Amino acid sequence: MTDALPVPLDALYELGLSEDEIAEALESRPLVVAQQAADAPGAYFDVAAARRAIDAIQSFKHTKGRWGSTR
């Protein structure tokens, strides 16, 4: 049954979810388990940090291979 989880079981335990909470979330799939991560103590979403990460990733360029560029 744990092979149906969207994340590793250990990650859910690290977030503080109990076996009962995980089992309940699995019964009400598809996305409930992943959505509970935001309820973990100390969890937050930093919009500015997310934007910086997205901007950094989008600036990466292929340097070799099929999509490589010399620009």
C-alpha atoms as a PDB file:
ATOM      1  CA  MET A   1       0.000   0.000   0.000  1.00  0.00           C
ATOM      2  CA  THR A   2       2.888   2.422   0.690  1.00  0.00           C
ATOM      3  CA  ASP A   3       3.985   2.145  -2.954  1.00  0.00           C
ATOM      4  CA  ALA A   4       0.984   4.385  -3.743  1.00  0.00           C
ATOM      5  CA  LEU A   5       2.468   7.269  -1.742  1.00  0.00           C
ATOM      6  CA  PRO A   6       3.532  10.395  -3.653  1.00  0.00           C
ATOM      7  CA  VAL A   7       6.649  10.705  -1.471  1.00  0.00           C
ATOM      8  CA  PRO A   8       8.857   8.254   0.457  1.00  0.00           C
ATOM      9  CA  LEU A   9       7.276   6.940   3.641  1.00  0.00           C
ATOM     10  CA  ASP A  10      10.279   8.127   5.683  1.00  0.00           C
ATOM     11  CA  ALA A  11       9.648  11.693   4.515  1.00  0.00           C
ATOM     12  CA  LEU A  12       6.100  11.563   5.864  1.00  0.00           C
ATOM     13  CA  TYR A  13       7.372  10.341   9.239  1.00  0.00           C
ATOM     14  CA  GLU A  14       9.929  13.174   9.271  1.00  0.00           C
ATOM     15  CA  LEU A  15       7.071  15.624   8.734  1.00  0.00           C
ATOM     16  CA  GLY A  16       5.470  14.260  11.869  1.00  0.00           C
ATOM     17  CA  LEU A  17       2.623  12.257  10.332  1.00  0.00           C
ATOM     18  CA  SER A  18       1.521   9.179  12.234  1.00  0.00           C
ATOM     19  CA  GLU A  19       0.810   5.803  10.654  1.00  0.00           C
ATOM     20  CA  ASP A  20      -2.911   6.441  11.195  1.00  0.00           C
ATOM     21  CA  GLU A  21      -2.734   9.818   9.435  1.00  0.00           C
ATOM     22  CA  ILE A  22      -0.859   8.286   6.511  1.00  0.00           C
ATOM     23  CA  ALA A  23      -3.372   5.436   6.231  1.00  0.00           C
ATOM     24  CA  GLU A  24      -6.274   7.903   6.359  1.00  0.00           C
ATOM     25  CA  ALA A  25      -4.666  10.051   3.677  1.00  0.00           C
ATOM     26  CA  LEU A  26      -4.109   7.023   1.461  1.00  0.00           C
ATOM     27  CA  GLU A  27      -7.813   6.219   1.688  1.00  0.00           C
ATOM     28  CA  SER A  28      -8.711   9.743   0.557  1.00  0.00           C
ATOM     29  CA  ARG A  29      -6.148  10.004  -2.244  1.00  0.00           C
ATOM     30  CA  PRO A  30      -4.871  11.284  -4.605  1.00  0.00           C
ATOM     31  CA  LEU A  31      -3.214  14.392  -3.157  1.00  0.00           C
ATOM     32  CA  VAL A  32      -4.125  14.508   0.504  1.00  0.00           C
ATOM     33  CA  VAL A  33      -0.810  13.069   1.727  1.00  0.00           C
ATOM     34  CA  ALA A  34       1.201  15.704  -0.106  1.00  0.00           C
ATOM     35  CA  GLN A  35      -1.122  18.491   1.032  1.00  0.00           C
ATOM     36  CA  GLN A  36      -0.607  17.612   4.708  1.00  0.00           C
ATOM     37  CA  ALA A  37       3.071  18.542   4.492  1.00  0.00           C
ATOM     38  CA  ALA A  38       2.124  22.223   4.773  1.00  0.00           C
ATOM     39  CA  ASP A  39       0.531  21.532   8.156  1.00  0.00           C
ATOM     40  CA  ALA A  40       3.789  20.298   9.693  1.00  0.00           C
ATOM     41  CA  PRO A  41       5.096  22.473  12.541  1.00  0.00           C
ATOM     42  CA  GLY A  42       7.560  25.007  11.196  1.00  0.00           C
ATOM     43  CA  ALA A  43       6.504  24.515   7.565  1.00  0.00           C
ATOM     44  CA  TYR A  44       6.142  27.647   5.464  1.00  0.00           C
ATOM     45  CA  PHE A  45       6.290  28.799   1.872  1.00  0.00           C
ATOM     46  CA  ASP A  46       8.552  31.711   1.038  1.00  0.00           C
ATOM     47  CA  VAL A  47       7.397  33.267  -2.232  1.00  0.00           C
ATOM     48  CA  ALA A  48      10.548  35.365  -2.659  1.00  0.00           C
ATOM     49  CA  ALA A  49      12.814  32.348  -2.097  1.00  0.00           C
ATOM     50  CA  ALA A  50      10.771  30.279  -4.533  1.00  0.00           C
ATOM     51  CA  ARG A  51      11.016  33.028  -7.161  1.00  0.00           C
ATOM     52  CA  ARG A  52      14.818  33.220  -6.714  1.00  0.00           C
ATOM     53  CA  ALA A  53      15.102  29.442  -7.121  1.00  0.00           C
ATOM     54  CA  ILE A  54      12.948  29.476 -10.264  1.00  0.00           C
ATOM     55  CA  ASP A  55      14.937  32.376 -11.738  1.00  0.00           C
ATOM     56  CA  ALA A  56      18.225  30.594 -11.020  1.00  0.00           C
ATOM     57  CA  ILE A  57      17.057  27.336 -12.581  1.00  0.00           C
ATOM     58  CA  GLN A  58      15.730  29.135 -15.655  1.00  0.00           C
ATOM     59  CA  SER A  59      19.118  30.781 -16.158  1.00  0.00           C
ATOM     60  CA  PHE A  60      20.879  27.419 -16.575  1.00  0.00           C
ATOM     61  CA  LYS A  61      22.091  26.733 -20.089  1.00  0.00           C
ATOM     62  CA  HIS A  62      23.069  23.524 -21.821  1.00  0.00           C
ATOM     63  CA  THR A  63      26.774  23.671 -22.636  1.00  0.00           C
ATOM     64  CA  LYS A  64      27.234  20.293 -24.287  1.00  0.00           C
ATOM     65  CA  GLY A  65      25.325  17.808 -26.330  1.00  0.00           C
ATOM     66  CA  ARG A  66      22.244  18.181 -28.459  1.00  0.00           C
ATOM     67  CA  TRP A  67      21.008  21.430 -26.895  1.00  0.00           C
ATOM     68  CA  GLY A  68      24.445  22.900 -26.234  1.00  0.00           C
ATOM     69  CA  SER A  69      24.984  26.516 -27.149  1.00  0.00           C
ATOM     70  CA  THR A  70      28.081  28.643 -27.621  1.00  0.00           C
ATOM     71  CA  ARG A  71      26.239  31.829 -26.698  1.00  0.00           C
END
